[in-house]
Protein backbone atom coordinates (compact mmCIF):
# COMPACT_ATOMS: atom_id res chain seq x y z
CA MET A 1 116.00 112.55 102.46
CA PHE A 2 117.67 113.21 105.94
CA SER A 3 116.96 114.05 109.47
CA THR A 4 118.95 115.82 112.06
CA ASN A 5 118.43 116.78 115.65
CA GLU A 6 119.51 120.36 114.81
CA LYS A 7 116.80 122.86 115.96
CA PRO A 8 116.30 125.58 113.24
CA SER A 9 115.64 129.27 113.73
CA ALA A 10 111.98 129.31 114.82
CA ARG A 11 109.36 130.36 112.23
CA ARG A 12 105.70 130.52 112.81
CA VAL A 13 103.39 129.79 109.92
CA LEU A 14 99.65 130.03 109.77
CA VAL A 15 97.89 127.80 107.29
CA SER A 16 94.30 128.72 106.36
CA GLY A 17 92.41 125.47 105.29
CA ALA A 18 92.37 121.88 106.39
CA SER A 19 91.87 120.23 103.04
CA ILE A 20 94.46 118.64 100.85
CA ALA A 21 96.71 121.51 100.01
CA GLY A 22 96.60 122.97 103.59
CA LEU A 23 97.14 119.55 105.28
CA THR A 24 100.07 118.62 103.00
CA THR A 25 101.63 122.01 103.32
CA ALA A 26 101.29 121.67 107.21
CA TYR A 27 102.80 118.25 107.14
CA TRP A 28 105.96 119.37 105.18
CA LEU A 29 106.48 122.57 107.16
CA THR A 30 106.41 120.65 110.48
CA ARG A 31 108.91 118.20 108.95
CA HIS A 32 111.10 121.24 108.15
CA GLY A 33 110.95 122.43 111.75
CA PHE A 34 108.45 125.14 111.56
CA GLU A 35 105.78 125.88 114.21
CA VAL A 36 102.48 125.37 112.28
CA THR A 37 98.96 126.54 113.06
CA VAL A 38 96.02 125.43 110.86
CA VAL A 39 92.90 127.41 110.88
CA GLU A 40 89.74 125.87 109.34
CA VAL A 41 86.27 127.45 109.33
CA ALA A 42 84.43 124.15 109.61
CA PRO A 43 84.15 122.68 112.96
CA ARG A 44 85.93 119.54 111.90
CA LEU A 45 87.41 118.00 108.73
CA ARG A 46 84.80 118.56 106.15
CA PRO A 47 82.96 115.38 105.28
CA GLY A 48 82.05 114.16 101.66
CA GLY A 49 83.44 115.33 98.41
CA HIS A 50 84.23 113.55 95.05
CA ALA A 51 86.71 110.94 94.31
CA ILE A 52 90.08 112.29 93.61
CA ASP A 53 93.29 110.97 92.27
CA VAL A 54 96.88 110.84 93.33
CA ARG A 55 98.95 110.71 90.21
CA GLY A 56 102.53 111.00 88.74
CA PRO A 57 104.68 113.28 90.96
CA ALA A 58 102.17 113.44 93.73
CA LEU A 59 102.76 109.68 94.23
CA ALA A 60 106.24 110.55 94.79
CA VAL A 61 105.16 113.03 97.38
CA ALA A 62 102.93 110.43 99.16
CA GLU A 63 105.89 108.00 99.19
CA ARG A 64 108.18 110.60 100.78
CA MET A 65 105.42 111.01 103.40
CA GLY A 66 105.22 107.30 104.14
CA LEU A 67 101.42 107.25 103.16
CA ASP A 68 101.31 105.58 99.85
CA ALA A 69 100.55 102.26 101.39
CA VAL A 70 97.57 103.43 103.41
CA LEU A 71 96.27 105.51 100.55
CA ARG A 72 96.23 102.45 98.27
CA GLU A 73 94.49 100.57 101.25
CA ARG A 74 91.89 103.18 101.52
CA GLY A 75 91.51 103.67 97.68
CA THR A 76 88.19 103.18 95.86
CA ASN A 77 89.62 100.02 94.13
CA LEU A 78 86.68 100.23 91.72
CA THR A 79 86.14 97.30 89.28
CA GLY A 80 84.24 99.04 86.38
CA ILE A 81 81.34 101.28 85.21
CA ALA A 82 77.99 100.60 83.55
CA VAL A 83 76.21 103.37 81.40
CA VAL A 84 72.39 103.35 81.37
CA ASP A 85 69.98 105.34 79.25
CA PRO A 86 67.02 107.40 80.86
CA ALA A 87 64.93 104.33 80.66
CA GLY A 88 67.38 102.29 82.69
CA ARG A 89 68.75 100.07 79.95
CA GLU A 90 72.36 99.36 79.96
CA VAL A 91 74.11 100.68 76.89
CA PHE A 92 77.75 100.29 77.85
CA ARG A 93 79.90 98.43 80.23
CA SER A 94 83.75 98.46 80.98
CA THR A 95 85.90 96.56 83.43
CA GLU A 96 88.90 98.41 82.17
CA GLY A 97 88.22 102.03 83.38
CA THR A 98 85.82 104.30 85.23
CA LEU A 99 84.65 107.86 84.70
CA THR A 100 86.22 109.18 87.82
CA GLY A 101 89.46 107.27 87.96
CA GLY A 102 90.15 106.52 84.36
CA GLN A 103 92.07 103.28 83.43
CA LEU A 104 92.07 100.58 86.12
CA ASP A 105 95.31 99.22 85.30
CA SER A 106 97.11 102.53 86.29
CA SER A 107 99.40 102.64 89.26
CA ASP A 108 97.75 105.77 90.31
CA ILE A 109 95.50 105.96 93.49
CA GLU A 110 91.88 107.00 93.39
CA ILE A 111 90.52 107.83 96.82
CA MET A 112 87.55 109.80 98.25
CA ARG A 113 88.38 113.22 99.17
CA ASP A 114 87.50 112.92 102.77
CA ASP A 115 89.51 109.64 103.07
CA LEU A 116 92.50 111.38 101.87
CA CYS A 117 92.00 114.37 104.28
CA GLU A 118 91.66 112.03 107.20
CA VAL A 119 94.90 110.17 106.20
CA LEU A 120 96.77 113.57 105.88
CA TYR A 121 95.36 114.87 109.12
CA GLY A 122 96.30 111.89 110.90
CA ALA A 123 99.94 112.36 109.83
CA VAL A 124 100.25 115.82 111.04
CA ARG A 125 97.52 116.42 113.83
CA ASP A 126 100.14 115.65 116.60
CA GLU A 127 102.67 118.10 115.12
CA ALA A 128 100.55 121.23 114.38
CA GLU A 129 98.17 123.23 116.27
CA PHE A 130 94.55 123.13 114.78
CA LEU A 131 91.95 125.89 115.15
CA PHE A 132 88.73 124.38 113.93
CA GLY A 133 85.44 126.58 113.70
CA ASP A 134 87.41 129.62 113.11
CA THR A 135 88.39 132.06 110.29
CA ILE A 136 90.77 134.81 109.54
CA THR A 137 89.19 138.32 109.44
CA SER A 138 92.23 140.58 108.90
CA LEU A 139 95.87 140.46 107.67
CA THR A 140 98.27 143.27 108.37
CA GLN A 141 101.76 142.72 107.41
CA ASP A 142 105.12 144.62 107.69
CA ASP A 143 108.80 143.75 107.00
CA THR A 144 109.04 141.14 109.88
CA GLY A 145 105.63 139.46 110.11
CA VAL A 146 102.01 139.34 109.72
CA ASP A 147 99.42 140.31 112.25
CA VAL A 148 96.34 138.17 112.09
CA THR A 149 92.80 138.53 113.64
CA PHE A 150 90.40 135.72 113.86
CA ALA A 151 86.68 135.47 114.24
CA THR A 152 86.99 133.67 117.54
CA ALA A 153 90.72 133.22 118.58
CA ALA A 154 92.81 135.94 119.92
CA PRO A 155 94.99 137.94 117.56
CA ARG A 156 98.31 136.50 116.75
CA ARG A 157 101.55 137.21 114.78
CA PHE A 158 103.08 134.92 112.31
CA ASP A 159 106.28 134.98 109.99
CA VAL A 160 104.25 133.62 107.09
CA VAL A 161 100.48 133.04 106.22
CA VAL A 162 99.56 130.41 103.67
CA GLY A 163 96.14 130.67 102.09
CA ALA A 164 95.18 127.13 101.25
CA ASP A 165 91.53 127.66 101.66
CA GLY A 166 90.18 126.63 98.22
CA VAL A 167 88.77 128.36 95.18
CA GLY A 168 86.83 130.83 97.30
CA SER A 169 89.86 131.69 99.48
CA GLY A 170 89.31 134.26 102.07
CA VAL A 171 93.01 134.80 102.44
CA ARG A 172 93.25 135.59 98.80
CA ARG A 173 90.35 138.16 99.08
CA LEU A 174 92.04 139.79 101.98
CA ALA A 175 95.70 139.99 100.60
CA PHE A 176 95.23 139.96 96.77
CA GLY A 177 91.73 141.32 96.00
CA PRO A 178 88.24 140.37 95.02
CA ASP A 179 87.41 136.89 93.44
CA GLU A 180 86.42 138.29 89.97
CA ARG A 181 89.97 139.04 89.28
CA PHE A 182 91.15 135.48 89.61
CA LEU A 183 88.31 133.16 89.00
CA HIS A 184 87.66 131.77 85.45
CA VAL A 185 84.54 129.90 84.91
CA MET A 186 84.83 127.03 82.30
CA GLY A 187 81.34 126.97 81.03
CA GLU A 188 78.13 126.77 82.90
CA ASN A 189 78.46 123.24 84.18
CA LEU A 190 77.55 122.48 87.70
CA VAL A 191 78.22 119.34 89.61
CA ALA A 192 76.83 118.43 93.02
CA VAL A 193 78.33 115.54 95.08
CA PHE A 194 76.83 114.03 98.23
CA SER A 195 76.41 110.76 100.17
CA MET A 196 73.23 108.76 100.03
CA PRO A 197 71.89 105.29 100.73
CA ASN A 198 73.30 102.63 98.55
CA PHE A 199 69.91 101.51 97.33
CA LEU A 200 71.39 100.28 93.95
CA GLY A 201 73.59 97.77 96.06
CA LEU A 202 76.77 98.79 94.31
CA GLU A 203 80.07 97.18 95.35
CA ARG A 204 83.29 98.75 93.92
CA TRP A 205 81.10 99.93 90.97
CA GLN A 206 79.87 102.92 89.11
CA ILE A 207 76.51 103.53 87.11
CA LEU A 208 76.21 106.60 84.99
CA CYS A 209 73.04 107.89 83.30
CA GLN A 210 73.39 110.84 80.76
CA GLN A 211 70.71 112.69 78.99
CA GLU A 212 71.09 115.02 76.07
CA GLU A 213 67.85 116.99 76.27
CA PRO A 214 67.94 118.36 78.79
CA ALA A 215 71.78 118.05 79.30
CA ILE A 216 71.79 116.44 82.65
CA GLY A 217 73.52 113.44 84.21
CA ALA A 218 73.92 111.33 87.39
CA LEU A 219 76.73 109.06 88.46
CA VAL A 220 76.46 106.76 91.45
CA MET A 221 79.62 105.16 93.01
CA GLY A 222 79.19 102.30 95.53
CA LEU A 223 82.30 100.97 97.35
CA ARG A 224 80.54 98.55 99.66
CA LYS A 225 76.89 97.40 99.84
CA ASP A 226 76.75 98.24 103.49
CA VAL A 227 77.91 101.68 103.40
CA PRO A 228 76.47 104.87 101.80
CA ALA A 229 77.17 105.55 98.18
CA ARG A 230 78.50 108.73 96.70
CA ALA A 231 76.23 110.45 94.02
CA TYR A 232 77.26 112.99 91.57
CA VAL A 233 74.52 114.93 89.61
CA GLY A 234 75.10 117.78 87.24
CA PHE A 235 73.94 119.74 84.36
CA ASP A 236 75.19 121.91 81.39
CA THR A 237 73.16 125.25 80.84
CA GLU A 238 73.59 128.14 78.33
CA ASP A 239 72.57 130.54 80.94
CA ARG A 240 74.30 131.71 84.19
CA VAL A 241 73.01 129.93 87.19
CA GLU A 242 73.23 131.98 90.29
CA TYR A 243 73.27 130.67 93.74
CA ASP A 244 74.33 131.65 97.18
CA PRO A 245 77.41 129.83 98.23
CA ARG A 246 76.47 129.95 101.80
CA ASN A 247 73.03 128.68 101.41
CA VAL A 248 73.12 124.95 100.95
CA ALA A 249 69.45 124.49 101.00
CA GLY A 250 69.08 126.99 98.20
CA GLN A 251 71.71 125.23 96.25
CA LYS A 252 69.90 121.80 96.63
CA ARG A 253 66.66 123.61 95.29
CA VAL A 254 68.63 124.96 92.17
CA VAL A 255 69.90 121.40 91.39
CA ALA A 256 66.62 119.74 92.01
CA GLU A 257 64.85 122.11 89.60
CA ARG A 258 67.35 121.39 86.85
CA LEU A 259 67.03 117.67 87.22
CA ALA A 260 63.22 117.55 87.41
CA ALA A 261 63.15 116.08 84.01
CA GLY A 262 65.71 113.25 84.73
CA GLY A 263 64.94 109.64 83.98
CA TRP A 264 66.39 106.35 85.38
CA VAL A 265 66.49 106.73 89.17
CA ILE A 266 67.47 110.40 89.14
CA PRO A 267 64.19 111.42 90.96
CA GLU A 268 65.11 109.17 93.85
CA ILE A 269 68.73 110.41 93.85
CA VAL A 270 67.35 113.92 94.14
CA ARG A 271 65.18 112.90 97.09
CA HIS A 272 68.14 111.66 98.93
CA MET A 273 70.17 114.79 97.91
CA MET A 274 67.76 116.93 99.81
CA ASP A 275 68.53 115.22 103.06
CA ALA A 276 72.37 114.74 102.51
CA PRO A 277 74.55 116.29 105.24
CA ASP A 278 77.67 116.44 103.02
CA PHE A 279 76.39 118.29 99.89
CA HIS A 280 78.90 120.13 97.94
CA LEU A 281 78.19 122.12 94.65
CA TYR A 282 81.02 122.80 92.28
CA ARG A 283 81.10 125.13 89.31
CA LEU A 284 83.88 124.17 87.00
CA THR A 285 86.31 127.00 87.64
CA GLN A 286 89.96 127.75 87.43
CA VAL A 287 91.92 130.21 89.57
CA ARG A 288 94.69 132.14 87.77
CA VAL A 289 96.83 134.59 89.86
CA ASP A 290 99.49 136.58 88.40
CA ARG A 291 101.81 136.08 91.43
CA TRP A 292 101.12 133.67 94.24
CA SER A 293 102.67 135.64 97.05
CA ARG A 294 102.06 139.25 98.40
CA GLY A 295 104.81 139.90 100.81
CA ARG A 296 104.49 137.34 103.53
CA VAL A 297 101.17 136.01 102.41
CA VAL A 298 101.40 133.15 99.80
CA LEU A 299 98.74 130.95 98.02
CA ALA A 300 98.75 127.19 97.67
CA GLY A 301 96.50 124.73 95.82
CA ASP A 302 93.16 125.84 94.61
CA ALA A 303 93.49 129.16 96.36
CA GLY A 304 96.23 130.06 94.08
CA TYR A 305 95.92 127.69 91.06
CA ALA A 306 92.76 125.61 90.85
CA VAL A 307 92.95 123.36 87.85
CA SER A 308 89.25 122.05 87.69
CA LEU A 309 87.83 118.52 87.77
CA GLY A 310 88.30 117.73 84.12
CA THR A 311 91.80 116.27 83.93
CA GLY A 312 92.09 114.23 87.26
CA GLN A 313 95.16 116.32 88.11
CA ALA A 314 93.92 118.88 90.53
CA THR A 315 94.76 116.91 93.71
CA SER A 316 98.23 115.95 92.44
CA VAL A 317 98.91 119.57 91.54
CA ALA A 318 97.76 120.67 94.98
CA MET A 319 100.08 118.01 96.73
CA VAL A 320 103.03 118.93 94.58
CA GLY A 321 102.58 122.64 95.15
CA ALA A 322 102.46 122.05 99.01
CA TYR A 323 105.63 120.10 98.94
CA VAL A 324 107.42 122.58 96.80
CA LEU A 325 106.16 125.59 99.01
CA ALA A 326 107.20 124.12 102.23
CA GLY A 327 110.53 123.03 100.86
CA GLU A 328 111.29 126.40 99.43
CA LEU A 329 110.28 128.21 102.55
CA ALA A 330 112.61 125.86 104.48
CA ALA A 331 115.52 126.52 101.99
CA HIS A 332 115.03 130.30 102.26
CA ARG A 333 114.22 130.14 106.12
CA ASP A 334 115.38 133.72 107.00
CA ASP A 335 113.74 135.23 103.75
CA PRO A 336 110.18 134.21 103.32
CA ALA A 337 109.77 136.42 100.18
CA ALA A 338 112.83 134.70 98.43
CA GLY A 339 111.34 131.31 99.56
CA ALA A 340 108.01 132.32 98.04
CA ALA A 341 109.48 133.55 94.80
CA ALA A 342 111.55 130.29 94.45
CA TYR A 343 108.28 128.29 94.83
CA GLU A 344 106.65 130.07 92.06
CA ASP A 345 109.80 129.73 89.78
CA GLU A 346 109.83 126.11 90.41
CA LEU A 347 106.19 125.40 90.00
CA ARG A 348 104.60 127.99 87.71
CA GLU A 349 105.25 126.26 84.30
CA TYR A 350 103.84 122.96 85.68
CA VAL A 351 100.67 124.49 87.02
CA THR A 352 100.20 126.50 83.74
CA ARG A 353 100.51 123.40 81.60
CA ASN A 354 98.00 121.56 83.76
CA GLN A 355 95.51 124.43 83.59
CA ASP A 356 96.00 124.59 79.76
CA VAL A 357 95.29 120.93 79.41
CA ALA A 358 92.24 121.23 81.55
CA VAL A 359 90.75 123.97 79.29
CA GLU A 360 91.42 121.67 76.17
CA GLN A 361 89.66 118.78 77.90
CA GLU A 362 86.63 120.75 78.88
CA SER A 363 86.01 121.77 75.31
CA MET A 364 86.33 118.09 74.20
CA ARG A 365 84.01 116.94 77.08
CA ARG A 366 81.23 118.98 75.64
CA SER A 367 81.32 117.01 72.42
CA VAL A 368 81.55 113.36 73.76
CA LEU A 369 79.07 111.18 75.65
CA VAL A 370 80.34 108.25 77.57
CA GLY A 371 79.64 105.13 75.76
CA GLU A 372 79.65 106.73 72.26
CA ASP A 373 83.18 105.82 71.46
CA ASP A 374 83.48 102.15 70.36
CA ALA A 375 87.19 101.98 71.17
CA GLY A 376 87.27 103.52 74.55
CA GLY A 377 83.63 104.23 75.41
CA GLY A 378 84.51 107.76 75.98
CA LEU A 379 86.00 106.95 79.31
CA PRO A 380 89.10 109.14 80.26
CA ASP A 381 92.61 108.01 80.32
CA PHE A 382 94.01 110.42 82.89
CA GLY A 383 97.46 108.97 82.64
CA THR A 384 98.03 110.46 79.34
CA LEU A 385 97.28 113.88 80.86
CA THR A 386 99.73 113.39 83.92
CA LEU A 387 102.60 115.83 83.39
CA PRO A 388 106.03 115.08 84.70
CA PHE A 389 107.61 117.13 87.51
CA SER A 390 111.10 116.41 89.09
CA LEU A 391 110.77 116.79 92.87
CA LYS A 392 113.69 118.39 94.71
CA ASP A 393 115.06 116.81 97.76
CA TYR A 394 114.70 119.46 100.30
CA GLY A 395 115.58 117.28 103.37
CA GLN A 396 113.78 117.18 106.70
CA ARG A 397 114.90 118.89 109.80
CA VAL A 398 113.31 117.41 113.01
CA PRO A 399 113.35 119.87 115.93
CA THR A 400 114.47 118.50 119.37
CA ALA A 401 111.84 118.51 122.14
């Protein structure tokens, strides 16, 4: 890595989405001397979300950002998991691994999604412009730039637009086409994640309850007894479950109906779910796009290549992708199309391999209950699924004031 005081030719980049891929992309673009604006539809960083993992090459990205120590400090640092049956009887216990983080002796970092976003935002907020509570309404590009209109802000022109706005990317719809061309649902499995009172008194511990008939489950993760716990509830179904992604109250009703037959403390969890302000509902979905760029509009993270939750690699793929995208745009500063093409050439095989592994793991998941396997208890070992990737050194150019 290197720094200079040389001011590069000005390049204005708009990043849509202030989550992991967007914030990481913004960080590296600013380090390469770009003028970065981030637009986020939410009024602030989105709260809540599931536990995520920084693994393998993403650890190297975090180290190059100088954030690895703070991420470890803010990590979940769980000590184990218990599995109970619908009557609340413990049937399995492990202090060697957890359902969300895998093996505890790994050097990887498990951290809550909102905690990671806070760290990333703290690293870039003084270097980039942020437009919270706004969204892109149109993109019109020519050979020299992209004209962007917003729901609230005045129209602007940018050299490059990065869509890092998740599985339901608005940038992708505007520049690439309708969602149905790119979304691949991995079975009818829905998972809701939300905060609730830590009424089980958990400290660095998880408890999981699974039921085979109906196929539902609940996982509660408590990091400290004096702070809210994070709950996951989900179900498998053979029929298509329809819901309005904009109607959170309706989504909660759908989940509550499916969990009505739940044992253990699932009824109490559902009651807390109805009041949760940070409710998120996920359908296990991959995004597969034939090309990640259309002219000066390029996709990053879940917007272009969502992996899914099953392998513990989605966050790592997003962070690696963001690093490579910013680096290649910097390496091809006067030719964004060439930079986008180089980004895809560098990353496509790594992304496709991760997505293929996720499909295999989802097939296996449907045939194994945690606690059934005497050797490993059915707990994942995400380390065995972590694929290598060699990071280029793109350098850093820090512009003068």
